[in-house]
Every structure is written in structure tokens, then in C-alpha cells.
Amino acid sequence: MIGQLLTGRYLILKQLGAGGFSETYLAVDKYLLDQPACVVKRLSMSAGSTISPEKARQLFETEARVLNRLGRQYSQIPTLFAYCHEQDQVYQVEEYIRGENLDSWFTQGHCLSPDAAVDLLRKVLPILDHIHRHDVIHQDIKPSNLIRQEDGDITLIDFGAACDLAEIYESCDPQVTQRIAIGTPGYMPEEQQIGYSQFNSDLYALGVSVIQLLTGVRPQQFQTDPVTGELDWQIYLRHRSIDPGLVAILNQMVRRDYRLRYQRASEVAAALESLPWIEKYSLRPNETHAKQQKAMPKNIWQKIWKPALVLLSATAIGGGYCLSQREHTELLLQIGLTNSQLKALLQSLSDLSATEKVDQAQIPSSNQALVEAQPAYDDQLWIELTRLVEKTASEPITGP
């Protein structure tokens, strides 16, 4: 995979990791001027995987659908850029989140203070509230899937084990409706271990993650109370003092019986808010918490559907060309022009960029011109680009 140019666009740089049914790579997008980093995941069964190839493909597709549905509107969930097939392989391309995962931070010998634990809960609970309100259970909440960015925000990654309840309820395909035990041992509550995850299974995993980061002990080492069967995690605090209110909240998050846990992220948030020693906060984003919400897709597809492909005839040139809208934010020109006409078109696109009507424009070696538009100009820009290509195509050929 290293060095491969996927779909002629995404250059694979190095492998980031591998799981039960996928491999993850760091890549760059060669179509964009600044060649931003992205993540490429390939469906690939590991030797020790206990999941059937059919179920693995279904989970891979579910991950892509969930990211496509939720990631575009929420800044703490990665955005899906592409889902593609090439040479009998299946790939998804998603946003690369810069930062440090909390498991790497933990491995360096760090632990959370009680204040930092509350702060982490306050940042992750809105994410869980968001996905749960869209009928998605993540099923793999753990420190390695929580990325802390430079500004302190937390992003939840790796939806490869996600359960999309809406998809299950609407499907008649047994591969979709079959619920299986999937997740990471130590972070999975009992109901998840038998394939019966609840929304508060994610709350259990988050509680266990916070306890790990508080105590410095991995959950596989946790002991249980011989009488109640509950996690006996406070023995690992090593004489550190933690507010009894926070202890009570964490205990209820990790109750063995899911019926005795908090049922929703909003309930945990309300309990945190009741602690007298923390600053009050709001769980759900509003006008004053707009940072949590991603900008809506830029182009006019928010208001009216345009055909994905508009074919235009070019009488002066046999090659022809077309315009298309791609990934909701880009305009792509597929052209068959001579080198001199390409140069003229690139100059015209640069002139458009100078008017601030487009963010960026280029013509890579694939004989395509890629243009990303500002939101207010999409309708007019579509018209201008059409005229621009027609004009360029009709000009006399002055070179090869």
C-alpha cells in the first residue's frame, strides 16, 4: 500500500495501525493545493479475526454511513471524504485528526487529576449525546479512540464497531440485523459481551476509560467486589483524594447491570452539573457553543438538488469536457483540452481565485481542474465556470 495512489488522488504515506478487519494508513490528497493529510482505511481481514468476511464488510459499510451522516455536521467526529472500490479492494477516506490519543498519553505515565477527569467527561458526553440521538452506539469507547487536539478539544474516532440501530430496524438482511459481540475487552460491559449493547454501554466504557486515566491502571487489571460484583476501582487511587460526588457518578456509569446505570449521556451531564465545585455548562451546543458544530455543506445542494454531472459539448475540440459537483464542496472540471488551453484555463481560474469567489483552483496531471467555492457564490460560479470552459474550448489552438 505504501506509495500507492488510490483512485489517482490519495497518496499512501505510511501505515497507522490495523484491527480485526481493517488497516489504517496516513495519506495526502494530491488533488488539493496544500495536499492535506487524510486517513485511508482498507477492508482487510486479520488472521485471528472471529468475524465473518460478510459481517466485516457490513460493519465497514456501516462505519462509512455513520461518518457520512454524522461527521459533516459535528466537529468532534471525523468527516468521510470517500468510499471507493479499486482492484477488488474496498476503502474509505476520512478526515485526519491531528493530536494525541489519550492511550499514548497514558502510556507515557500521565494520569488525570479529578478536575481534568470532569473536563474530559464534559467534552465527550456531548459527542455521545449526539450519536445516541441519531440511534448510533459506538461500541468501542476507550482512550486510544479519544484524540486530544492542540486546542484541548476531544474528537471521537474509529466507528468500525458502531451499531446503527436505525439501519438494523429498517433492514431485512440477516448480515445487518444480526448483532454480535464486538468491542475491546475491559471496556465492554456484560450486555455488550453477549451482543446486546445499549446506549449506556458507551457510558460504561467512558466511565472505565476515565477511571483508568484517573488511577493509572488498565481495566484488564481491575478487581471486582466479591459480594456485589461491581468494579472495586477506588483501591487503585493510592491515597489520592477525589470528591465523593465524582466517585458516585463514575460508580453509576460503570454499574454491572445496565438497568442501574445512567441511561443517557444527558443524565451524566446533569449529575456533573450538580457538583458544587465545577463551573456550570450546557450539554447541547447552541449559539454560544457553535465551535462544536461543523459548518453546513457549502454549496447549493442544501437548497436544491442539481444533477451530479452536467455534460457540455465542445465543438472546437474533439476531447470534450464536463462539469461535476463532488463531495458537496467542490466543483470538478473534467476536460479534454490541449496544453496551451489548459494553461489559459488555469490562468482564468487563478483570476477567479483572486476575486475571492473560490478558495483554491488547480489543474493536476490527471487533466482535471479542481475548484472549491465560497458558499455565497455557488450558483453564479457554476455559470461562470461553464462559460469559462466554453470560452477556453472555442479559442484557437496555439500550441500542442
Protein backbone atom coordinates (compact mmCIF):
# COMPACT_ATOMS: atom_id res chain seq x y z
CA MET A 1 0.00 0.00 0.00
CA ILE A 2 2.83 2.44 0.79
CA GLY A 3 3.36 4.71 -2.22
CA GLN A 4 0.08 3.68 -3.87
CA LEU A 5 -2.03 6.45 -5.42
CA LEU A 6 -5.58 5.43 -4.55
CA THR A 7 -8.17 6.43 -7.19
CA GLY A 8 -5.46 8.61 -8.71
CA ARG A 9 -5.88 11.04 -5.82
CA TYR A 10 -4.86 9.80 -2.35
CA LEU A 11 -1.14 9.04 -1.94
CA ILE A 12 -0.49 6.48 0.81
CA LEU A 13 2.43 7.51 3.05
CA LYS A 14 2.58 5.05 5.96
CA GLN A 15 0.55 2.56 7.97
CA LEU A 16 -1.01 3.85 11.18
CA GLY A 17 -2.46 0.64 12.54
CA ALA A 18 -4.53 -2.49 11.94
CA GLY A 19 -7.57 -4.07 13.55
CA GLY A 20 -9.69 -7.16 13.21
CA PHE A 21 -10.96 -6.33 9.74
CA SER A 22 -9.25 -3.14 8.56
CA GLU A 23 -5.89 -1.49 8.05
CA THR A 24 -5.39 2.25 8.54
CA TYR A 25 -2.99 4.44 6.59
CA LEU A 26 -1.90 8.07 6.56
CA ALA A 27 -2.30 9.64 3.13
CA VAL A 28 -2.32 13.04 1.42
CA ASP A 29 -4.89 14.39 -1.02
CA LYS A 30 -2.95 15.16 -4.20
CA TYR A 31 -5.88 17.00 -5.81
CA LEU A 32 -5.78 19.90 -3.37
CA LEU A 33 -3.16 22.64 -3.46
CA ASP A 34 -1.92 22.21 0.09
CA GLN A 35 -2.15 18.38 -0.16
CA PRO A 36 -3.85 17.95 3.24
CA ALA A 37 -3.42 14.77 5.25
CA CYS A 38 -6.24 12.23 5.42
CA VAL A 39 -6.81 8.70 6.70
CA VAL A 40 -7.37 5.74 4.38
CA LYS A 41 -8.92 2.58 5.79
CA ARG A 42 -8.83 -0.64 3.81
CA LEU A 43 -11.13 -3.58 4.49
CA SER A 44 -8.73 -6.40 5.35
CA MET A 45 -9.39 -9.48 7.48
CA SER A 46 -6.71 -10.30 10.04
CA ALA A 47 -5.64 -13.91 10.55
CA GLY A 48 -7.16 -14.10 14.01
CA SER A 49 -10.45 -12.37 13.22
CA THR A 50 -13.54 -14.11 14.58
CA ILE A 51 -15.90 -12.10 12.35
CA SER A 52 -17.08 -13.50 9.01
CA PRO A 53 -15.99 -11.63 5.86
CA GLU A 54 -19.63 -10.77 5.14
CA LYS A 55 -20.16 -9.28 8.60
CA ALA A 56 -16.85 -7.41 8.38
CA ARG A 57 -17.93 -5.81 5.08
CA GLN A 58 -21.28 -4.85 6.60
CA LEU A 59 -19.55 -3.21 9.60
CA PHE A 60 -17.15 -1.41 7.26
CA GLU A 61 -20.07 -0.03 5.26
CA THR A 62 -21.91 0.93 8.46
CA GLU A 63 -18.89 2.92 9.63
CA ALA A 64 -18.83 4.82 6.34
CA ARG A 65 -22.57 5.58 6.51
CA VAL A 66 -22.35 6.76 10.11
CA LEU A 67 -19.39 9.06 9.39
CA ASN A 68 -21.11 10.40 6.30
CA ARG A 69 -24.29 11.11 8.24
CA LEU A 70 -22.84 12.48 11.47
CA GLY A 71 -19.34 13.72 10.73
CA ARG A 72 -20.25 16.57 8.40
CA GLN A 73 -22.30 18.41 11.00
CA TYR A 74 -20.25 17.75 14.14
CA SER A 75 -16.67 18.87 14.54
CA GLN A 76 -15.69 16.16 17.05
CA ILE A 77 -16.49 13.29 14.68
CA PRO A 78 -14.30 12.69 11.59
CA THR A 79 -15.75 13.56 8.19
CA LEU A 80 -15.98 10.89 5.48
CA PHE A 81 -14.40 12.08 2.23
CA ALA A 82 -14.82 8.99 0.02
CA TYR A 83 -15.93 5.37 -0.05
CA CYS A 84 -14.48 3.55 -3.03
CA HIS A 85 -13.59 0.25 -4.66
CA GLU A 86 -10.32 -0.31 -6.51
CA GLN A 87 -8.80 -3.58 -7.72
CA ASP A 88 -11.26 -5.70 -5.72
CA GLN A 89 -10.44 -3.78 -2.53
CA VAL A 90 -12.76 -1.55 -0.51
CA TYR A 91 -11.54 1.70 1.02
CA GLN A 92 -12.86 4.66 2.95
CA VAL A 93 -11.12 8.01 3.15
CA GLU A 94 -11.77 10.20 6.14
CA GLU A 95 -10.57 13.30 7.91
CA TYR A 96 -7.21 13.08 9.66
CA ILE A 97 -7.43 14.35 13.25
CA ARG A 98 -4.21 15.94 14.45
CA GLY A 99 -3.45 15.40 18.11
CA GLU A 100 -2.54 12.73 20.65
CA ASN A 101 -4.75 9.82 21.57
CA LEU A 102 -5.24 9.52 25.30
CA ASP A 103 -3.86 5.99 25.45
CA SER A 104 -0.49 7.19 24.13
CA TRP A 105 -0.59 9.98 26.70
CA PHE A 106 -1.44 7.44 29.41
CA THR A 107 1.40 5.13 28.33
CA GLN A 108 3.86 7.95 28.97
CA GLY A 109 2.98 7.73 32.67
CA HIS A 110 0.41 10.53 32.87
CA CYS A 111 -2.80 10.47 34.90
CA LEU A 112 -5.80 12.77 35.09
CA SER A 113 -6.49 14.98 38.06
CA PRO A 114 -10.11 15.00 39.29
CA ASP A 115 -10.65 18.39 37.63
CA ALA A 116 -9.22 17.07 34.34
CA ALA A 117 -11.45 13.98 34.61
CA VAL A 118 -14.53 16.19 34.88
CA ASP A 119 -13.28 18.25 31.94
CA LEU A 120 -12.85 15.10 29.84
CA LEU A 121 -16.37 13.94 30.68
CA ARG A 122 -17.74 17.36 29.78
CA LYS A 123 -16.08 17.15 26.36
CA VAL A 124 -17.01 13.56 25.49
CA LEU A 125 -20.58 13.42 26.82
CA PRO A 126 -21.93 15.85 24.16
CA ILE A 127 -20.42 13.62 21.46
CA LEU A 128 -22.16 10.56 22.89
CA ASP A 129 -25.38 12.51 23.29
CA HIS A 130 -25.15 13.47 19.61
CA ILE A 131 -24.55 9.97 18.25
CA HIS A 132 -27.11 8.36 20.57
CA ARG A 133 -29.79 10.83 19.48
CA HIS A 134 -29.06 9.55 15.94
CA ASP A 135 -29.52 5.91 17.06
CA VAL A 136 -25.82 5.01 16.91
CA ILE A 137 -23.91 3.09 19.60
CA HIS A 138 -20.14 3.48 19.20
CA GLN A 139 -19.26 0.20 20.99
CA ASP A 140 -15.53 0.94 21.24
CA ILE A 141 -15.09 3.91 23.57
CA LYS A 142 -11.56 3.78 25.02
CA PRO A 143 -8.61 6.16 25.48
CA SER A 144 -6.98 5.22 22.17
CA ASN A 145 -10.11 6.36 20.33
CA LEU A 146 -10.18 9.75 22.03
CA ILE A 147 -7.90 12.29 20.31
CA ARG A 148 -6.97 15.43 22.19
CA GLN A 149 -6.20 18.21 19.74
CA GLU A 150 -3.86 21.13 20.33
CA ASP A 151 -6.72 23.39 21.42
CA GLY A 152 -7.84 20.82 24.01
CA ASP A 153 -10.92 19.63 22.14
CA ILE A 154 -11.60 15.88 22.08
CA THR A 155 -12.52 14.01 18.89
CA LEU A 156 -14.04 10.52 18.93
CA ILE A 157 -12.61 8.29 16.20
CA ASP A 158 -12.92 4.71 14.91
CA PHE A 159 -16.57 3.90 14.32
CA GLY A 160 -15.62 0.48 12.96
CA ALA A 161 -17.59 -1.36 15.66
CA ALA A 162 -20.55 1.03 15.57
CA CYS A 163 -24.09 -0.29 15.80
CA ASP A 164 -26.57 1.74 13.73
CA LEU A 165 -29.94 0.87 15.25
CA ALA A 166 -31.88 2.66 12.51
CA GLU A 167 -30.12 0.50 9.91
CA ILE A 168 -30.93 -2.65 11.88
CA TYR A 169 -34.60 -1.79 12.30
CA GLU A 170 -35.08 -0.97 8.61
CA SER A 171 -33.18 -3.90 7.09
CA CYS A 172 -34.25 -7.44 6.27
CA ASP A 173 -30.66 -8.53 5.55
CA PRO A 174 -29.54 -11.00 8.25
CA GLN A 175 -25.99 -9.68 7.99
CA VAL A 176 -27.30 -6.28 9.08
CA THR A 177 -29.84 -7.37 11.67
CA GLN A 178 -27.50 -9.87 13.34
CA ARG A 179 -25.99 -8.24 16.44
CA ILE A 180 -22.65 -9.62 17.56
CA ALA A 181 -20.31 -9.16 20.50
CA ILE A 182 -17.73 -6.63 19.37
CA GLY A 183 -15.52 -4.18 21.22
CA THR A 184 -12.37 -4.15 23.38
CA PRO A 185 -12.14 -6.44 26.43
CA GLY A 186 -12.06 -4.47 29.66
CA TYR A 187 -14.20 -1.66 28.25
CA MET A 188 -17.17 -3.84 27.29
CA PRO A 189 -19.99 -4.25 29.81
CA GLU A 190 -21.66 -7.61 30.20
CA GLU A 191 -24.59 -6.90 27.88
CA GLN A 192 -22.20 -5.90 25.09
CA GLN A 193 -20.26 -9.14 25.55
CA ILE A 194 -23.37 -11.09 24.56
CA GLY A 195 -24.26 -8.84 21.62
CA TYR A 196 -26.92 -6.78 23.37
CA SER A 197 -25.38 -3.30 23.53
CA GLN A 198 -27.40 -0.41 24.93
CA PHE A 199 -26.79 3.31 24.63
CA ASN A 200 -25.41 3.25 28.14
CA SER A 201 -22.89 0.59 27.14
CA ASP A 202 -20.94 3.56 25.77
CA LEU A 203 -21.36 5.32 29.11
CA TYR A 204 -19.88 2.27 30.84
CA ALA A 205 -16.87 2.32 28.51
CA LEU A 206 -16.39 6.05 29.02
CA GLY A 207 -16.58 5.60 32.81
CA VAL A 208 -13.99 2.81 32.68
CA SER A 209 -11.75 4.98 30.48
CA VAL A 210 -11.91 7.89 32.92
CA ILE A 211 -11.21 5.56 35.86
CA GLN A 212 -8.18 4.18 34.01
CA LEU A 213 -6.86 7.68 33.37
CA LEU A 214 -7.51 8.67 36.99
CA THR A 215 -5.91 5.64 38.63
CA GLY A 216 -3.12 4.77 36.18
CA VAL A 217 -4.40 1.18 35.99
CA ARG A 218 -5.73 -0.51 32.85
CA PRO A 219 -9.22 -2.04 33.15
CA GLN A 220 -7.95 -5.56 32.49
CA GLN A 221 -6.33 -5.29 35.94
CA PHE A 222 -9.42 -4.06 37.76
CA GLN A 223 -10.80 -6.22 40.54
CA THR A 224 -14.47 -6.65 41.35
CA ASP A 225 -16.15 -6.65 44.74
CA PRO A 226 -16.70 -10.31 45.70
CA VAL A 227 -20.15 -9.54 47.09
CA THR A 228 -21.67 -7.04 44.64
CA GLY A 229 -19.69 -7.88 41.53
CA GLU A 230 -19.14 -4.15 40.92
CA LEU A 231 -15.76 -2.67 39.93
CA ASP A 232 -13.65 -2.01 43.03
CA TRP A 233 -11.53 0.70 41.41
CA GLN A 234 -11.01 3.09 44.34
CA ILE A 235 -8.34 0.80 45.81
CA TYR A 236 -6.07 1.99 43.00
CA LEU A 237 -6.24 5.68 43.91
CA ARG A 238 -3.14 5.39 46.11
CA HIS A 239 -4.40 7.73 48.82
CA ARG A 240 -5.41 10.40 46.29
CA SER A 241 -8.43 12.40 47.36
CA ILE A 242 -11.38 12.53 44.95
CA ASP A 243 -14.65 14.28 45.61
CA PRO A 244 -17.32 11.74 46.71
CA GLY A 245 -19.75 13.25 44.20
CA LEU A 246 -17.43 12.42 41.29
CA VAL A 247 -16.85 8.92 42.70
CA ALA A 248 -20.61 8.36 42.87
CA ILE A 249 -21.06 9.49 39.25
CA LEU A 250 -18.31 7.18 37.99
CA ASN A 251 -19.70 4.29 40.04
CA GLN A 252 -23.12 4.70 38.47
CA MET A 253 -21.61 4.91 34.99
CA VAL A 254 -19.93 1.52 35.43
CA ARG A 255 -22.69 -0.40 37.22
CA ARG A 256 -22.69 -4.05 36.21
CA ASP A 257 -26.44 -4.08 35.48
CA TYR A 258 -27.22 -1.67 32.64
CA ARG A 259 -30.66 -1.01 34.14
CA LEU A 260 -29.00 0.57 37.18
CA ARG A 261 -26.67 2.82 35.18
CA TYR A 262 -27.37 6.26 33.82
CA GLN A 263 -29.46 5.62 30.72
CA ARG A 264 -28.38 8.64 28.69
CA ALA A 265 -25.38 10.96 28.40
CA SER A 266 -27.63 13.85 29.39
CA GLU A 267 -28.22 12.23 32.79
CA VAL A 268 -24.48 12.05 33.46
CA ALA A 269 -24.14 15.66 32.36
CA ALA A 270 -26.90 16.72 34.76
CA ALA A 271 -25.19 14.87 37.61
CA LEU A 272 -21.90 16.60 36.84
CA GLU A 273 -23.65 19.95 36.75
CA SER A 274 -24.96 19.33 40.25
CA LEU A 275 -21.44 19.08 41.67
CA PRO A 276 -20.92 22.32 43.62
CA TRP A 277 -17.25 22.70 42.77
CA ILE A 278 -17.39 22.79 38.96
CA GLU A 279 -18.36 25.55 36.58
CA LYS A 280 -21.85 25.18 35.11
CA TYR A 281 -22.07 24.19 31.49
CA SER A 282 -24.57 23.25 28.81
CA LEU A 283 -24.53 19.79 27.24
CA ARG A 284 -26.04 20.70 23.91
CA PRO A 285 -24.36 23.16 21.55
CA ASN A 286 -26.15 26.43 20.94
CA GLU A 287 -25.23 29.83 19.58
CA THR A 288 -22.58 30.27 22.28
CA HIS A 289 -21.13 26.81 21.69
CA ALA A 290 -21.02 26.94 17.90
CA LYS A 291 -17.50 25.54 17.87
CA GLN A 292 -18.90 22.05 18.36
CA GLN A 293 -20.96 22.31 15.19
CA LYS A 294 -19.36 21.98 11.79
CA ALA A 295 -20.31 24.42 9.09
CA MET A 296 -23.07 23.08 6.91
CA PRO A 297 -22.05 21.94 3.42
CA LYS A 298 -21.03 24.94 1.42
CA ASN A 299 -22.87 24.56 -1.85
CA ILE A 300 -26.40 24.98 -3.09
CA TRP A 301 -27.22 21.30 -2.64
CA GLN A 302 -28.53 22.35 0.78
CA LYS A 303 -31.40 24.10 -1.01
CA ILE A 304 -31.95 22.33 -4.30
CA TRP A 305 -30.62 19.14 -5.93
CA LYS A 306 -28.59 19.63 -9.05
CA PRO A 307 -27.59 16.80 -11.35
CA ALA A 308 -24.31 15.29 -10.20
CA LEU A 309 -22.93 15.60 -13.69
CA VAL A 310 -23.55 18.23 -16.35
CA LEU A 311 -22.25 17.29 -19.79
CA LEU A 312 -21.33 20.07 -22.16
CA SER A 313 -20.44 19.73 -25.84
CA ALA A 314 -17.26 21.20 -27.26
CA THR A 315 -17.48 21.78 -30.97
CA ALA A 316 -13.97 23.16 -31.38
CA ILE A 317 -12.26 20.19 -29.74
CA GLY A 318 -12.86 16.50 -30.10
CA GLY A 319 -11.98 15.73 -26.50
CA GLY A 320 -14.97 17.41 -24.86
CA TYR A 321 -15.33 18.23 -21.21
CA CYS A 322 -17.78 18.07 -18.33
CA LEU A 323 -18.54 19.77 -15.06
CA SER A 324 -19.44 17.95 -11.88
CA GLN A 325 -20.09 18.69 -8.25
CA ARG A 326 -18.20 16.47 -5.88
CA GLU A 327 -18.26 15.87 -2.13
CA HIS A 328 -20.63 18.80 -1.56
CA THR A 329 -17.90 21.46 -1.52
CA GLU A 330 -16.03 21.16 -4.78
CA LEU A 331 -16.54 21.82 -8.47
CA LEU A 332 -14.58 19.50 -10.73
CA LEU A 333 -13.93 20.12 -14.40
CA GLN A 334 -13.13 17.04 -16.46
CA ILE A 335 -11.61 18.46 -19.59
CA GLY A 336 -10.01 17.38 -22.82
CA LEU A 337 -8.04 20.43 -23.82
CA THR A 338 -4.59 20.99 -25.28
CA ASN A 339 -1.71 22.08 -23.06
CA SER A 340 -1.98 25.70 -24.14
CA GLN A 341 -5.72 25.73 -23.48
CA LEU A 342 -5.10 24.16 -20.08
CA LYS A 343 -2.66 26.95 -19.25
CA ALA A 344 -5.19 29.56 -20.32
CA LEU A 345 -7.89 27.90 -18.24
CA LEU A 346 -5.62 27.73 -15.19
CA GLN A 347 -4.89 31.45 -15.52
CA SER A 348 -8.60 32.17 -15.73
CA LEU A 349 -9.22 30.05 -12.65
CA SER A 350 -6.47 31.97 -10.85
CA ASP A 351 -8.23 35.20 -11.77
CA LEU A 352 -11.41 33.79 -10.22
CA SER A 353 -9.46 32.92 -7.09
CA ALA A 354 -8.22 36.50 -6.88
CA THR A 355 -11.84 37.69 -6.73
CA GLU A 356 -12.27 35.53 -3.61
CA LYS A 357 -15.08 33.60 -5.27
CA VAL A 358 -13.14 30.37 -4.94
CA ASP A 359 -10.92 29.05 -2.18
CA GLN A 360 -8.49 27.28 -4.46
CA ALA A 361 -8.10 26.05 -8.04
CA GLN A 362 -5.66 23.79 -9.82
CA ILE A 363 -5.19 21.52 -12.83
CA PRO A 364 -3.28 18.41 -11.73
CA SER A 365 -1.67 15.94 -14.12
CA SER A 366 -4.92 13.97 -14.42
CA ASN A 367 -6.23 16.67 -16.79
CA GLN A 368 -8.85 17.86 -14.31
CA ALA A 369 -9.37 21.26 -12.81
CA LEU A 370 -10.47 21.29 -9.21
CA VAL A 371 -12.22 24.33 -7.76
CA GLU A 372 -13.52 24.80 -4.20
CA ALA A 373 -16.09 27.54 -3.88
CA GLN A 374 -17.12 30.01 -1.23
CA PRO A 375 -20.73 29.32 -0.15
CA ALA A 376 -22.31 32.55 -1.34
CA TYR A 377 -21.16 32.21 -4.93
CA ASP A 378 -22.04 28.62 -5.91
CA ASP A 379 -24.88 29.38 -8.33
CA GLN A 380 -23.05 32.18 -10.10
CA LEU A 381 -19.75 30.30 -10.03
CA TRP A 382 -21.36 27.30 -11.71
CA ILE A 383 -22.48 29.58 -14.54
CA GLU A 384 -19.12 31.35 -14.74
CA LEU A 385 -17.20 28.08 -14.91
CA THR A 386 -19.45 26.78 -17.66
CA ARG A 387 -18.87 29.92 -19.70
CA LEU A 388 -15.17 29.86 -18.92
CA VAL A 389 -14.68 26.33 -20.22
CA GLU A 390 -16.79 27.05 -23.30
CA LYS A 391 -14.73 30.15 -23.98
CA THR A 392 -11.41 28.32 -23.50
CA ALA A 393 -12.51 25.41 -25.67
CA SER A 394 -13.54 27.71 -28.52
CA GLU A 395 -10.26 29.64 -28.60
CA PRO A 396 -7.79 28.87 -31.41
CA ILE A 397 -5.22 26.20 -30.61
CA THR A 398 -1.83 27.92 -30.37
CA GLY A 399 0.31 25.08 -29.08
CA PRO A 400 0.44 21.34 -28.51
